Amino acid sequence: MNIERLALGQLDTNCYIVSVKLGSPVIVIDPAGEPEVLLATIAERKISCVVLTHCHFDHLGAVSALLAEQDAPLAVHELDADFITDSVGTGGAGWGFDAVAPPATRRLVDGDVIQADTVALRVIATPG
């Protein structure tokens, strides 16, 4: 498994690009910001899924740019899914951040599997 880490956005939030090997389809976890850096890192690889670990504004700043570039599902835990579409729900409004995401196309629950090529990530819900 290949895991690339980028510190993105104004808060240097960790974003992970997971694949079976360089060049294969990827899972992008918490695309925090700086879409141009993220898109350059992904390059020509196919995005199998964009995953948000939770709904906070500092984890989703580049989601819209990624999804505009490639048609990929957006996955987030079902308890956070209703909060990602507005800056009050993401917690950003109170801090002057307006980062939001489009509605999730996949609502995750504990035990779900997210797959890219032969890489399979199992969801372990850890609320709080």
Protein backbone atom coordinates (compact mmCIF):
# COMPACT_ATOMS: atom_id res chain seq x y z
CA MET A 1 0.00 0.00 0.00
CA ASN A 2 1.21 3.50 -0.83
CA ILE A 3 0.25 6.38 1.48
CA GLU A 4 1.10 9.96 0.59
CA ARG A 5 0.61 12.69 3.21
CA LEU A 6 0.15 16.37 2.48
CA ALA A 7 -0.34 19.14 5.06
CA LEU A 8 -2.90 21.41 3.39
CA GLY A 9 -4.96 24.50 4.04
CA GLN A 10 -4.52 27.36 6.47
CA LEU A 11 -4.33 24.95 9.40
CA ASP A 12 -1.93 22.46 7.75
CA THR A 13 -4.45 19.65 8.08
CA ASN A 14 -3.23 16.20 7.09
CA CYS A 15 -4.59 14.88 3.82
CA TYR A 16 -3.84 11.33 2.74
CA ILE A 17 -3.74 9.85 -0.75
CA VAL A 18 -3.96 6.07 -0.50
CA SER A 19 -3.33 3.62 -3.35
CA VAL A 20 -2.03 0.13 -3.95
CA LYS A 21 1.02 1.64 -5.72
CA LEU A 22 2.02 4.89 -7.38
CA GLY A 23 0.00 5.39 -10.53
CA SER A 24 -2.99 3.29 -9.47
CA PRO A 25 -6.45 4.63 -8.48
CA VAL A 26 -6.52 6.58 -5.21
CA ILE A 27 -8.65 7.25 -2.17
CA VAL A 28 -8.29 10.87 -1.03
CA ILE A 29 -8.86 11.36 2.69
CA ASP A 30 -9.57 14.84 4.09
CA PRO A 31 -8.72 17.13 1.14
CA ALA A 32 -8.23 20.12 3.42
CA GLY A 33 -7.35 22.84 0.92
CA GLU A 34 -4.86 24.00 -1.70
CA PRO A 35 -6.62 22.16 -4.52
CA GLU A 36 -3.88 23.02 -7.02
CA VAL A 37 -1.27 21.21 -4.89
CA LEU A 38 -3.57 18.25 -4.34
CA LEU A 39 -4.54 17.96 -8.01
CA ALA A 40 -0.87 18.19 -9.07
CA THR A 41 -0.01 15.38 -6.62
CA ILE A 42 -2.84 13.17 -7.86
CA ALA A 43 -1.94 14.03 -11.48
CA GLU A 44 -3.50 11.57 -13.94
CA ARG A 45 -4.58 9.02 -11.35
CA LYS A 46 -8.23 8.13 -11.00
CA ILE A 47 -9.92 9.13 -7.75
CA SER A 48 -11.98 6.15 -6.56
CA CYS A 49 -13.42 8.00 -3.57
CA VAL A 50 -13.02 11.20 -1.57
CA VAL A 51 -13.47 10.50 2.14
CA LEU A 52 -14.05 12.96 4.96
CA THR A 53 -13.17 11.63 8.40
CA HIS A 54 -15.58 14.18 9.88
CA CYS A 55 -17.42 17.36 8.96
CA HIS A 56 -15.05 20.10 10.17
CA PHE A 57 -14.16 22.92 7.77
CA ASP A 58 -10.43 22.24 7.94
CA HIS A 59 -10.90 18.79 6.38
CA LEU A 60 -12.89 19.65 3.26
CA GLY A 61 -11.59 22.82 1.60
CA ALA A 62 -10.59 21.14 -1.67
CA VAL A 63 -13.53 18.74 -2.03
CA SER A 64 -15.43 20.81 -4.60
CA ALA A 65 -12.33 21.29 -6.77
CA LEU A 66 -11.55 17.55 -6.72
CA LEU A 67 -15.09 16.60 -7.63
CA ALA A 68 -15.16 19.21 -10.41
CA GLU A 69 -12.03 17.61 -11.85
CA GLN A 70 -13.15 13.98 -11.53
CA ASP A 71 -16.49 12.29 -11.03
CA ALA A 72 -15.88 10.48 -7.74
CA PRO A 73 -18.12 9.65 -4.81
CA LEU A 74 -17.88 11.75 -1.67
CA ALA A 75 -18.11 9.65 1.49
CA VAL A 76 -18.57 10.75 5.10
CA HIS A 77 -20.03 9.09 8.19
CA GLU A 78 -23.81 9.29 8.28
CA LEU A 79 -23.76 11.36 11.50
CA ASP A 80 -21.66 14.09 9.81
CA ALA A 81 -23.24 14.02 6.35
CA ASP A 82 -25.88 16.67 7.02
CA PHE A 83 -23.31 19.18 8.29
CA ILE A 84 -20.83 19.37 5.40
CA THR A 85 -22.91 21.59 3.13
CA ASP A 86 -22.91 24.80 5.17
CA SER A 87 -20.26 26.75 7.05
CA VAL A 88 -22.24 26.71 10.29
CA GLY A 89 -22.40 22.91 10.18
CA THR A 90 -18.68 22.60 9.43
CA GLY A 91 -17.82 24.90 12.32
CA GLY A 92 -16.06 27.31 9.98
CA ALA A 93 -18.50 30.20 10.20
CA GLY A 94 -17.47 31.06 13.74
CA TRP A 95 -13.80 31.23 12.69
CA GLY A 96 -14.26 33.10 9.41
CA PHE A 97 -13.92 30.05 7.16
CA ASP A 98 -16.58 29.39 4.55
CA ALA A 99 -15.35 25.99 3.33
CA VAL A 100 -18.20 23.62 2.54
CA ALA A 101 -18.67 20.47 0.49
CA PRO A 102 -21.44 19.28 -1.79
CA PRO A 103 -23.81 16.68 -0.36
CA ALA A 104 -22.23 13.29 0.30
CA THR A 105 -23.00 10.60 -2.24
CA ARG A 106 -22.15 7.87 0.26
CA ARG A 107 -23.05 7.88 3.94
CA LEU A 108 -20.68 5.65 5.85
CA VAL A 109 -21.39 3.47 8.87
CA ASP A 110 -19.11 1.40 11.06
CA GLY A 111 -17.75 -1.58 9.13
CA ASP A 112 -18.21 -0.17 5.62
CA VAL A 113 -15.38 -0.74 3.16
CA ILE A 114 -13.91 1.88 0.82
CA GLN A 115 -12.01 0.38 -2.10
CA ALA A 116 -9.52 1.55 -4.73
CA ASP A 117 -8.08 -1.20 -6.90
CA THR A 118 -6.96 -3.84 -4.37
CA VAL A 119 -6.73 -1.43 -1.41
CA ALA A 120 -9.65 -1.81 0.97
CA LEU A 121 -10.13 0.50 3.96
CA ARG A 122 -12.61 -0.49 6.66
CA VAL A 123 -14.54 2.27 8.44
CA ILE A 124 -14.09 2.28 12.20
CA ALA A 125 -16.51 4.81 13.65
CA THR A 126 -14.92 6.74 16.53
CA PRO A 127 -17.33 9.54 17.47
CA GLY A 128 -16.28 12.16 19.95
